[in-house]
Amino acid sequence: MVDGFGSDVSGKNRTYIIQVRDVAIGVQLLLHKQSLVDYGFIYVIENEKKYGPTGLKVSPNSSIQFAFPDKDEASRTAAHEKALAFLKTAKKPEAEASKPAK
């Protein structure tokens, strides 16, 4: 578990928690080219509300995009359940062809 600070849409600072299971499910969704917003990942939703869909982008290497507010287990559970329902029926994502090194 990792915690960090960020600000919500109103600018109020809050603590976000990232659990290994958040990252595991989130990465699976991204591999299937799914939007984390559509599955209820709170940090990404609040980020888009605050900066717009083309605003502040979270680095794909950052785990903060998988974060949920501290003490908000209901949102985490709902996001995980929705994601797992999709993943149970989703086909294996296609591997991207690697380009030969020059």
PDB file of N, CA and C in Angstrom:
ATOM      1  N   MET A   1       0.853  -1.171   0.000  1.00  0.00           N
ATOM      2  CA  MET A   1       0.000   0.000   0.000  1.00  0.00           C
ATOM      3  C   MET A   1       0.897   1.231   0.000  1.00  0.00           C
ATOM      4  N   VAL A   2       0.505   2.192  -0.805  1.00  0.00           N
ATOM      5  CA  VAL A   2       1.226   3.455  -0.898  1.00  0.00           C
ATOM      6  C   VAL A   2       0.211   4.554  -0.673  1.00  0.00           C
ATOM      7  N   ASP A   3       0.598   5.580   0.051  1.00  0.00           N
ATOM      8  CA  ASP A   3      -0.321   6.702   0.163  1.00  0.00           C
ATOM      9  C   ASP A   3       0.367   7.950  -0.349  1.00  0.00           C
ATOM     10  N   GLY A   4      -0.439   8.904  -0.744  1.00  0.00           N
ATOM     11  CA  GLY A   4       0.080  10.156  -1.270  1.00  0.00           C
ATOM     12  C   GLY A   4      -0.962  11.232  -1.073  1.00  0.00           C
ATOM     13  N   PHE A   5      -0.551  12.440  -1.371  1.00  0.00           N
ATOM     14  CA  PHE A   5      -1.460  13.561  -1.228  1.00  0.00           C
ATOM     15  C   PHE A   5      -1.774  14.120  -2.598  1.00  0.00           C
ATOM     16  N   GLY A   6      -2.936  14.657  -2.724  1.00  0.00           N
ATOM     17  CA  GLY A   6      -3.359  15.326  -3.940  1.00  0.00           C
ATOM     18  C   GLY A   6      -4.492  16.245  -3.569  1.00  0.00           C
ATOM     19  N   SER A   7      -4.984  16.966  -4.537  1.00  0.00           N
ATOM     20  CA  SER A   7      -6.124  17.823  -4.246  1.00  0.00           C
ATOM     21  C   SER A   7      -7.301  17.371  -5.091  1.00  0.00           C
ATOM     22  N   ASP A   8      -8.483  17.484  -4.512  1.00  0.00           N
ATOM     23  CA  ASP A   8      -9.682  17.089  -5.234  1.00  0.00           C
ATOM     24  C   ASP A   8     -10.152  18.251  -6.101  1.00  0.00           C
ATOM     25  N   VAL A   9     -11.326  18.106  -6.686  1.00  0.00           N
ATOM     26  CA  VAL A   9     -11.856  19.103  -7.610  1.00  0.00           C
ATOM     27  C   VAL A   9     -11.976  20.478  -6.949  1.00  0.00           C
ATOM     28  N   SER A  10     -12.322  20.512  -5.679  1.00  0.00           N
ATOM     29  CA  SER A  10     -12.491  21.783  -4.969  1.00  0.00           C
ATOM     30  C   SER A  10     -11.159  22.393  -4.541  1.00  0.00           C
ATOM     31  N   GLY A  11     -10.069  21.659  -4.746  1.00  0.00           N
ATOM     32  CA  GLY A  11      -8.756  22.144  -4.339  1.00  0.00           C
ATOM     33  C   GLY A  11      -8.368  21.713  -2.936  1.00  0.00           C
ATOM     34  N   LYS A  12      -9.262  20.997  -2.265  1.00  0.00           N
ATOM     35  CA  LYS A  12      -8.997  20.528  -0.908  1.00  0.00           C
ATOM     36  C   LYS A  12      -7.999  19.365  -0.954  1.00  0.00           C
ATOM     37  N   ASN A  13      -6.985  19.443  -0.122  1.00  0.00           N
ATOM     38  CA  ASN A  13      -6.018  18.350  -0.058  1.00  0.00           C
ATOM     39  C   ASN A  13      -6.659  17.120   0.553  1.00  0.00           C
ATOM     40  N   ARG A  14      -6.319  15.975   0.013  1.00  0.00           N
ATOM     41  CA  ARG A  14      -6.809  14.722   0.575  1.00  0.00           C
ATOM     42  C   ARG A  14      -5.752  13.655   0.378  1.00  0.00           C
ATOM     43  N   THR A  15      -5.861  12.617   1.172  1.00  0.00           N
ATOM     44  CA  THR A  15      -4.932  11.498   1.084  1.00  0.00           C
ATOM     45  C   THR A  15      -5.510  10.445   0.156  1.00  0.00           C
ATOM     46  N   TYR A  16      -4.678   9.967  -0.750  1.00  0.00           N
ATOM     47  CA  TYR A  16      -5.063   8.890  -1.664  1.00  0.00           C
ATOM     48  C   TYR A  16      -4.256   7.654  -1.306  1.00  0.00           C
ATOM     49  N   ILE A  17      -4.882   6.508  -1.428  1.00  0.00           N
ATOM     50  CA  ILE A  17      -4.234   5.239  -1.127  1.00  0.00           C
ATOM     51  C   ILE A  17      -4.206   4.398  -2.400  1.00  0.00           C
ATOM     52  N   ILE A  18      -3.060   3.796  -2.660  1.00  0.00           N
ATOM     53  CA  ILE A  18      -2.924   2.886  -3.795  1.00  0.00           C
ATOM     54  C   ILE A  18      -2.588   1.518  -3.236  1.00  0.00           C
ATOM     55  N   GLN A  19      -3.433   0.559  -3.521  1.00  0.00           N
ATOM     56  CA  GLN A  19      -3.176  -0.816  -3.103  1.00  0.00           C
ATOM     57  C   GLN A  19      -2.707  -1.616  -4.318  1.00  0.00           C
ATOM     58  N   VAL A  20      -1.982  -2.685  -4.067  1.00  0.00           N
ATOM     59  CA  VAL A  20      -1.467  -3.510  -5.160  1.00  0.00           C
ATOM     60  C   VAL A  20      -2.619  -3.978  -6.051  1.00  0.00           C
ATOM     61  N   ARG A  21      -3.731  -4.325  -5.458  1.00  0.00           N
ATOM     62  CA  ARG A  21      -4.873  -4.790  -6.247  1.00  0.00           C
ATOM     63  C   ARG A  21      -5.426  -3.700  -7.152  1.00  0.00           C
ATOM     64  N   ASP A  22      -5.315  -2.424  -6.744  1.00  0.00           N
ATOM     65  CA  ASP A  22      -5.747  -1.313  -7.600  1.00  0.00           C
ATOM     66  C   ASP A  22      -4.895  -1.263  -8.870  1.00  0.00           C
ATOM     67  N   VAL A  23      -3.598  -1.403  -8.686  1.00  0.00           N
ATOM     68  CA  VAL A  23      -2.670  -1.361  -9.818  1.00  0.00           C
ATOM     69  C   VAL A  23      -2.900  -2.576 -10.721  1.00  0.00           C
ATOM     70  N   ALA A  24      -3.068  -3.747 -10.123  1.00  0.00           N
ATOM     71  CA  ALA A  24      -3.253  -4.975 -10.906  1.00  0.00           C
ATOM     72  C   ALA A  24      -4.482  -4.876 -11.809  1.00  0.00           C
ATOM     73  N   ILE A  25      -5.586  -4.427 -11.262  1.00  0.00           N
ATOM     74  CA  ILE A  25      -6.804  -4.320 -12.068  1.00  0.00           C
ATOM     75  C   ILE A  25      -6.696  -3.167 -13.057  1.00  0.00           C
ATOM     76  N   GLY A  26      -6.152  -2.053 -12.615  1.00  0.00           N
ATOM     77  CA  GLY A  26      -6.008  -0.901 -13.499  1.00  0.00           C
ATOM     78  C   GLY A  26      -5.131  -1.192 -14.706  1.00  0.00           C
ATOM     79  N   VAL A  27      -4.021  -1.872 -14.498  1.00  0.00           N
ATOM     80  CA  VAL A  27      -3.134  -2.210 -15.610  1.00  0.00           C
ATOM     81  C   VAL A  27      -3.829  -3.151 -16.582  1.00  0.00           C
ATOM     82  N   GLN A  28      -4.587  -4.104 -16.063  1.00  0.00           N
ATOM     83  CA  GLN A  28      -5.330  -5.002 -16.950  1.00  0.00           C
ATOM     84  C   GLN A  28      -6.317  -4.213 -17.824  1.00  0.00           C
ATOM     85  N   LEU A  29      -6.992  -3.232 -17.233  1.00  0.00           N
ATOM     86  CA  LEU A  29      -7.908  -2.407 -18.018  1.00  0.00           C
ATOM     87  C   LEU A  29      -7.158  -1.633 -19.095  1.00  0.00           C
ATOM     88  N   LEU A  30      -6.022  -1.058 -18.734  1.00  0.00           N
ATOM     89  CA  LEU A  30      -5.237  -0.294 -19.704  1.00  0.00           C
ATOM     90  C   LEU A  30      -4.726  -1.189 -20.830  1.00  0.00           C
ATOM     91  N   LEU A  31      -4.346  -2.419 -20.516  1.00  0.00           N
ATOM     92  CA  LEU A  31      -3.914  -3.354 -21.550  1.00  0.00           C
ATOM     93  C   LEU A  31      -5.051  -3.676 -22.530  1.00  0.00           C
ATOM     94  N   HIS A  32      -6.281  -3.588 -22.031  1.00  0.00           N
ATOM     95  CA  HIS A  32      -7.454  -3.802 -22.884  1.00  0.00           C
ATOM     96  C   HIS A  32      -7.934  -2.487 -23.507  1.00  0.00           C
ATOM     97  N   LYS A  33      -7.112  -1.444 -23.371  1.00  0.00           N
ATOM     98  CA  LYS A  33      -7.426  -0.118 -23.929  1.00  0.00           C
ATOM     99  C   LYS A  33      -8.745   0.452 -23.393  1.00  0.00           C
ATOM    100  N   GLN A  34      -8.991   0.229 -22.116  1.00  0.00           N
ATOM    101  CA  GLN A  34     -10.173   0.748 -21.437  1.00  0.00           C
ATOM    102  C   GLN A  34      -9.804   2.019 -20.675  1.00  0.00           C
ATOM    103  N   SER A  35     -10.771   2.897 -20.499  1.00  0.00           N
ATOM    104  CA  SER A  35     -10.570   4.123 -19.736  1.00  0.00           C
ATOM    105  C   SER A  35     -10.809   3.847 -18.253  1.00  0.00           C
ATOM    106  N   LEU A  36      -9.888   4.274 -17.426  1.00  0.00           N
ATOM    107  CA  LEU A  36     -10.067   4.107 -15.979  1.00  0.00           C
ATOM    108  C   LEU A  36     -11.260   4.909 -15.473  1.00  0.00           C
ATOM    109  N   VAL A  37     -11.576   5.999 -16.144  1.00  0.00           N
ATOM    110  CA  VAL A  37     -12.734   6.820 -15.773  1.00  0.00           C
ATOM    111  C   VAL A  37     -14.014   5.993 -15.867  1.00  0.00           C
ATOM    112  N   ASP A  38     -14.136   5.207 -16.929  1.00  0.00           N
ATOM    113  CA  ASP A  38     -15.342   4.408 -17.137  1.00  0.00           C
ATOM    114  C   ASP A  38     -15.564   3.360 -16.048  1.00  0.00           C
ATOM    115  N   TYR A  39     -14.523   3.044 -15.304  1.00  0.00           N
ATOM    116  CA  TYR A  39     -14.621   2.019 -14.267  1.00  0.00           C
ATOM    117  C   TYR A  39     -14.613   2.609 -12.860  1.00  0.00           C
ATOM    118  N   GLY A  40     -14.554   3.934 -12.754  1.00  0.00           N
ATOM    119  CA  GLY A  40     -14.687   4.565 -11.450  1.00  0.00           C
ATOM    120  C   GLY A  40     -13.403   4.785 -10.679  1.00  0.00           C
ATOM    121  N   PHE A  41     -12.261   4.844 -11.364  1.00  0.00           N
ATOM    122  CA  PHE A  41     -11.004   5.135 -10.666  1.00  0.00           C
ATOM    123  C   PHE A  41     -10.997   6.618 -10.307  1.00  0.00           C
ATOM    124  N   ILE A  42     -11.174   6.890  -9.024  1.00  0.00           N
ATOM    125  CA  ILE A  42     -11.468   8.226  -8.505  1.00  0.00           C
ATOM    126  C   ILE A  42     -10.394   9.265  -8.835  1.00  0.00           C
ATOM    127  N   TYR A  43      -9.126   8.936  -8.694  1.00  0.00           N
ATOM    128  CA  TYR A  43      -8.086   9.943  -8.934  1.00  0.00           C
ATOM    129  C   TYR A  43      -8.172  10.455 -10.373  1.00  0.00           C
ATOM    130  N   VAL A  44      -8.351   9.565 -11.323  1.00  0.00           N
ATOM    131  CA  VAL A  44      -8.421   9.962 -12.733  1.00  0.00           C
ATOM    132  C   VAL A  44      -9.693  10.774 -12.991  1.00  0.00           C
ATOM    133  N   ILE A  45     -10.803  10.381 -12.375  1.00  0.00           N
ATOM    134  CA  ILE A  45     -12.063  11.121 -12.530  1.00  0.00           C
ATOM    135  C   ILE A  45     -11.897  12.542 -12.010  1.00  0.00           C
ATOM    136  N   GLU A  46     -11.337  12.688 -10.818  1.00  0.00           N
ATOM    137  CA  GLU A  46     -11.162  14.015 -10.233  1.00  0.00           C
ATOM    138  C   GLU A  46     -10.161  14.841 -11.034  1.00  0.00           C
ATOM    139  N   ASN A  47      -9.143  14.192 -11.560  1.00  0.00           N
ATOM    140  CA  ASN A  47      -8.147  14.878 -12.376  1.00  0.00           C
ATOM    141  C   ASN A  47      -8.805  15.458 -13.637  1.00  0.00           C
ATOM    142  N   GLU A  48      -9.666  14.680 -14.281  1.00  0.00           N
ATOM    143  CA  GLU A  48     -10.346  15.159 -15.490  1.00  0.00           C
ATOM    144  C   GLU A  48     -11.346  16.266 -15.165  1.00  0.00           C
ATOM    145  N   LYS A  49     -12.034  16.161 -14.027  1.00  0.00           N
ATOM    146  CA  LYS A  49     -12.967  17.216 -13.637  1.00  0.00           C
ATOM    147  C   LYS A  49     -12.217  18.525 -13.390  1.00  0.00           C
ATOM    148  N   LYS A  50     -11.047  18.405 -12.794  1.00  0.00           N
ATOM    149  CA  LYS A  50     -10.272  19.589 -12.422  1.00  0.00           C
ATOM    150  C   LYS A  50      -9.578  20.218 -13.627  1.00  0.00           C
ATOM    151  N   TYR A  51      -9.009  19.395 -14.514  1.00  0.00           N
ATOM    152  CA  TYR A  51      -8.191  19.909 -15.609  1.00  0.00           C
ATOM    153  C   TYR A  51      -8.779  19.689 -16.993  1.00  0.00           C
ATOM    154  N   GLY A  52      -9.885  18.949 -17.092  1.00  0.00           N
ATOM    155  CA  GLY A  52     -10.460  18.636 -18.398  1.00  0.00           C
ATOM    156  C   GLY A  52      -9.815  17.388 -18.978  1.00  0.00           C
ATOM    157  N   PRO A  53     -10.477  16.757 -19.948  1.00  0.00           N
ATOM    158  CA  PRO A  53      -9.970  15.491 -20.489  1.00  0.00           C
ATOM    159  C   PRO A  53      -8.629  15.615 -21.196  1.00  0.00           C
ATOM    160  N   THR A  54      -8.299  16.816 -21.641  1.00  0.00           N
ATOM    161  CA  THR A  54      -7.000  16.995 -22.302  1.00  0.00           C
ATOM    162  C   THR A  54      -6.019  17.740 -21.409  1.00  0.00           C
ATOM    163  N   GLY A  55      -6.404  17.978 -20.162  1.00  0.00           N
ATOM    164  CA  GLY A  55      -5.560  18.709 -19.230  1.00  0.00           C
ATOM    165  C   GLY A  55      -4.454  17.850 -18.651  1.00  0.00           C
ATOM    166  N   LEU A  56      -4.121  18.106 -17.430  1.00  0.00           N
ATOM    167  CA  LEU A  56      -3.019  17.444 -16.744  1.00  0.00           C
ATOM    168  C   LEU A  56      -3.078  15.933 -16.945  1.00  0.00           C
ATOM    169  N   LYS A  57      -2.125  15.411 -17.644  1.00  0.00           N
ATOM    170  CA  LYS A  57      -2.079  13.974 -17.902  1.00  0.00           C
ATOM    171  C   LYS A  57      -1.175  13.312 -16.873  1.00  0.00           C
ATOM    172  N   VAL A  58      -1.605  12.167 -16.409  1.00  0.00           N
ATOM    173  CA  VAL A  58      -0.822  11.394 -15.458  1.00  0.00           C
ATOM    174  C   VAL A  58       0.121  10.514 -16.272  1.00  0.00           C
ATOM    175  N   SER A  59       1.356  10.480 -15.879  1.00  0.00           N
ATOM    176  CA  SER A  59       2.336   9.637 -16.567  1.00  0.00           C
ATOM    177  C   SER A  59       1.884   8.189 -16.525  1.00  0.00           C
ATOM    178  N   PRO A  60       2.001   7.474 -17.657  1.00  0.00           N
ATOM    179  CA  PRO A  60       1.616   6.058 -17.641  1.00  0.00           C
ATOM    180  C   PRO A  60       2.482   5.228 -16.694  1.00  0.00           C
ATOM    181  N   ASN A  61       3.614   5.789 -16.281  1.00  0.00           N
ATOM    182  CA  ASN A  61       4.503   5.091 -15.355  1.00  0.00           C
ATOM    183  C   ASN A  61       4.171   5.380 -13.899  1.00  0.00           C
ATOM    184  N   SER A  62       3.175   6.224 -13.662  1.00  0.00           N
ATOM    185  CA  SER A  62       2.825   6.613 -12.299  1.00  0.00           C
ATOM    186  C   SER A  62       1.669   5.778 -11.773  1.00  0.00           C
ATOM    187  N   SER A  63       1.829   5.289 -10.564  1.00  0.00           N
ATOM    188  CA  SER A  63       0.750   4.491  -9.974  1.00  0.00           C
ATOM    189  C   SER A  63      -0.360   5.358  -9.395  1.00  0.00           C
ATOM    190  N   ILE A  64      -0.176   6.685  -9.341  1.00  0.00           N
ATOM    191  CA  ILE A  64      -1.196   7.554  -8.744  1.00  0.00           C
ATOM    192  C   ILE A  64      -2.530   7.446  -9.485  1.00  0.00           C
ATOM    193  N   GLN A  65      -2.496   7.129 -10.768  1.00  0.00           N
ATOM    194  CA  GLN A  65      -3.748   7.020 -11.522  1.00  0.00           C
ATOM    195  C   GLN A  65      -4.655   5.915 -10.988  1.00  0.00           C
ATOM    196  N   PHE A  66      -4.103   5.006 -10.210  1.00  0.00           N
ATOM    197  CA  PHE A  66      -4.882   3.900  -9.656  1.00  0.00           C
ATOM    198  C   PHE A  66      -5.349   4.174  -8.227  1.00  0.00           C
ATOM    199  N   ALA A  67      -5.157   5.395  -7.750  1.00  0.00           N
ATOM    200  CA  ALA A  67      -5.425   5.728  -6.352  1.00  0.00           C
ATOM    201  C   ALA A  67      -6.903   5.987  -6.065  1.00  0.00           C
ATOM    202  N   PHE A  68      -7.278   5.679  -4.832  1.00  0.00           N
ATOM    203  CA  PHE A  68      -8.608   5.980  -4.315  1.00  0.00           C
ATOM    204  C   PHE A  68      -8.431   6.789  -3.035  1.00  0.00           C
ATOM    205  N   PRO A  69      -9.394   7.669  -2.736  1.00  0.00           N
ATOM    206  CA  PRO A  69      -9.292   8.440  -1.501  1.00  0.00           C
ATOM    207  C   PRO A  69      -9.252   7.528  -0.271  1.00  0.00           C
ATOM    208  N   ASP A  70      -8.473   7.964   0.722  1.00  0.00           N
ATOM    209  CA  ASP A  70      -8.395   7.232   1.988  1.00  0.00           C
ATOM    210  C   ASP A  70      -9.797   7.091   2.571  1.00  0.00           C
ATOM    211  N   LYS A  71     -10.085   5.934   3.111  1.00  0.00           N
ATOM    212  CA  LYS A  71     -11.365   5.623   3.762  1.00  0.00           C
ATOM    213  C   LYS A  71     -12.551   5.614   2.788  1.00  0.00           C
ATOM    214  N   ASP A  72     -12.289   5.389   1.495  1.00  0.00           N
ATOM    215  CA  ASP A  72     -13.377   5.309   0.518  1.00  0.00           C
ATOM    216  C   ASP A  72     -13.378   3.919  -0.111  1.00  0.00           C
ATOM    217  N   GLU A  73     -13.596   2.935   0.735  1.00  0.00           N
ATOM    218  CA  GLU A  73     -13.583   1.545   0.282  1.00  0.00           C
ATOM    219  C   GLU A  73     -14.755   1.243  -0.645  1.00  0.00           C
ATOM    220  N   ALA A  74     -15.855   1.966  -0.502  1.00  0.00           N
ATOM    221  CA  ALA A  74     -17.026   1.729  -1.353  1.00  0.00           C
ATOM    222  C   ALA A  74     -16.711   2.022  -2.820  1.00  0.00           C
ATOM    223  N   SER A  75     -16.017   3.123  -3.092  1.00  0.00           N
ATOM    224  CA  SER A  75     -15.648   3.465  -4.469  1.00  0.00           C
ATOM    225  C   SER A  75     -14.674   2.448  -5.041  1.00  0.00           C
ATOM    226  N   ARG A  76     -13.714   2.039  -4.232  1.00  0.00           N
ATOM    227  CA  ARG A  76     -12.728   1.037  -4.672  1.00  0.00           C
ATOM    228  C   ARG A  76     -13.440  -0.276  -5.015  1.00  0.00           C
ATOM    229  N   THR A  77     -14.317  -0.721  -4.127  1.00  0.00           N
ATOM    230  CA  THR A  77     -15.027  -1.977  -4.349  1.00  0.00           C
ATOM    231  C   THR A  77     -15.880  -1.912  -5.611  1.00  0.00           C
ATOM    232  N   ALA A  78     -16.596  -0.820  -5.805  1.00  0.00           N
ATOM    233  CA  ALA A  78     -17.445  -0.671  -6.996  1.00  0.00           C
ATOM    234  C   ALA A  78     -16.598  -0.686  -8.273  1.00  0.00           C
ATOM    235  N   ALA A  79     -15.473   0.009  -8.272  1.00  0.00           N
ATOM    236  CA  ALA A  79     -14.590   0.042  -9.443  1.00  0.00           C
ATOM    237  C   ALA A  79     -14.038  -1.340  -9.742  1.00  0.00           C
ATOM    238  N   HIS A  80     -13.617  -2.037  -8.706  1.00  0.00           N
ATOM    239  CA  HIS A  80     -13.061  -3.384  -8.885  1.00  0.00           C
ATOM    240  C   HIS A  80     -14.115  -4.346  -9.408  1.00  0.00           C
ATOM    241  N   GLU A  81     -15.325  -4.288  -8.870  1.00  0.00           N
ATOM    242  CA  GLU A  81     -16.389  -5.181  -9.323  1.00  0.00           C
ATOM    243  C   GLU A  81     -16.728  -4.941 -10.790  1.00  0.00           C
ATOM    244  N   LYS A  82     -16.821  -3.671 -11.180  1.00  0.00           N
ATOM    245  CA  LYS A  82     -17.129  -3.347 -12.576  1.00  0.00           C
ATOM    246  C   LYS A  82     -15.999  -3.813 -13.491  1.00  0.00           C
ATOM    247  N   ALA A  83     -14.767  -3.581 -13.080  1.00  0.00           N
ATOM    248  CA  ALA A  83     -13.615  -4.001 -13.886  1.00  0.00           C
ATOM    249  C   ALA A  83     -13.548  -5.520 -14.008  1.00  0.00           C
ATOM    250  N   LEU A  84     -13.772  -6.224 -12.910  1.00  0.00           N
ATOM    251  CA  LEU A  84     -13.721  -7.688 -12.948  1.00  0.00           C
ATOM    252  C   LEU A  84     -14.823  -8.269 -13.832  1.00  0.00           C
ATOM    253  N   ALA A  85     -15.987  -7.646 -13.838  1.00  0.00           N
ATOM    254  CA  ALA A  85     -17.070  -8.108 -14.712  1.00  0.00           C
ATOM    255  C   ALA A  85     -16.652  -7.995 -16.178  1.00  0.00           C
ATOM    256  N   PHE A  86     -16.004  -6.894 -16.527  1.00  0.00           N
ATOM    257  CA  PHE A  86     -15.504  -6.731 -17.894  1.00  0.00           C
ATOM    258  C   PHE A  86     -14.403  -7.745 -18.197  1.00  0.00           C
ATOM    259  N   LEU A  87     -13.451  -7.865 -17.296  1.00  0.00           N
ATOM    260  CA  LEU A  87     -12.287  -8.723 -17.543  1.00  0.00           C
ATOM    261  C   LEU A  87     -12.661 -10.195 -17.661  1.00  0.00           C
ATOM    262  N   LYS A  88     -13.720 -10.625 -16.983  1.00  0.00           N
ATOM    263  CA  LYS A  88     -14.151 -12.026 -17.068  1.00  0.00           C
ATOM    264  C   LYS A  88     -14.593 -12.396 -18.481  1.00  0.00           C
ATOM    265  N   THR A  89     -15.122 -11.433 -19.217  1.00  0.00           N
ATOM    266  CA  THR A  89     -15.631 -11.718 -20.558  1.00  0.00           C
ATOM    267  C   THR A  89     -14.716 -11.202 -21.670  1.00  0.00           C
ATOM    268  N   ALA A  90     -13.709 -10.430 -21.316  1.00  0.00           N
ATOM    269  CA  ALA A  90     -12.828  -9.825 -22.324  1.00  0.00           C
ATOM    270  C   ALA A  90     -11.873 -10.849 -22.920  1.00  0.00           C
ATOM    271  N   LYS A  91     -11.590 -10.668 -24.187  1.00  0.00           N
ATOM    272  CA  LYS A  91     -10.604 -11.517 -24.844  1.00  0.00           C
ATOM    273  C   LYS A  91      -9.214 -11.052 -24.419  1.00  0.00           C
ATOM    274  N   LYS A  92      -8.254 -11.940 -24.549  1.00  0.00           N
ATOM    275  CA  LYS A  92      -6.876 -11.603 -24.213  1.00  0.00           C
ATOM    276  C   LYS A  92      -6.427 -10.450 -25.112  1.00  0.00           C
ATOM    277  N   PRO A  93      -5.809  -9.416 -24.521  1.00  0.00           N
ATOM    278  CA  PRO A  93      -5.381  -8.290 -25.361  1.00  0.00           C
ATOM    279  C   PRO A  93      -4.310  -8.731 -26.357  1.00  0.00           C
ATOM    280  N   GLU A  94      -4.371  -8.141 -27.550  1.00  0.00           N
ATOM    281  CA  GLU A  94      -3.390  -8.443 -28.582  1.00  0.00           C
ATOM    282  C   GLU A  94      -2.032  -7.878 -28.172  1.00  0.00           C
ATOM    283  N   ALA A  95      -1.007  -8.683 -28.373  1.00  0.00           N
ATOM    284  CA  ALA A  95       0.348  -8.207 -28.098  1.00  0.00           C
ATOM    285  C   ALA A  95       0.745  -7.256 -29.215  1.00  0.00           C
ATOM    286  N   GLU A  96       1.356  -6.140 -28.832  1.00  0.00           N
ATOM    287  CA  GLU A  96       1.824  -5.206 -29.840  1.00  0.00           C
ATOM    288  C   GLU A  96       3.086  -5.752 -30.468  1.00  0.00           C
ATOM    289  N   ALA A  97       3.140  -5.679 -31.789  1.00  0.00           N
ATOM    290  CA  ALA A  97       4.323  -6.166 -32.499  1.00  0.00           C
ATOM    291  C   ALA A  97       5.509  -5.263 -32.176  1.00  0.00           C
ATOM    292  N   SER A  98       6.593  -5.876 -31.804  1.00  0.00           N
ATOM    293  CA  SER A  98       7.770  -5.072 -31.506  1.00  0.00           C
ATOM    294  C   SER A  98       8.525  -4.808 -32.805  1.00  0.00           C
ATOM    295  N   LYS A  99       9.062  -3.616 -32.877  1.00  0.00           N
ATOM    296  CA  LYS A  99       9.805  -3.205 -34.071  1.00  0.00           C
ATOM    297  C   LYS A  99      11.258  -3.619 -33.891  1.00  0.00           C
ATOM    298  N   PRO A 100      11.872  -4.102 -34.973  1.00  0.00           N
ATOM    299  CA  PRO A 100      13.284  -4.487 -34.854  1.00  0.00           C
ATOM    300  C   PRO A 100      14.151  -3.263 -34.569  1.00  0.00           C
ATOM    301  N   ALA A 101      15.154  -3.464 -33.740  1.00  0.00           N
ATOM    302  CA  ALA A 101      16.082  -2.377 -33.398  1.00  0.00           C
ATOM    303  C   ALA A 101      16.928  -2.048 -34.609  1.00  0.00           C
ATOM    304  N   LYS A 102      17.208  -0.782 -34.765  1.00  0.00           N
ATOM    305  CA  LYS A 102      18.053  -0.359 -35.889  1.00  0.00           C
ATOM    306  C   LYS A 102      19.488  -0.266 -35.479  1.00  0.00           C
TER     307      LYS A 102
END
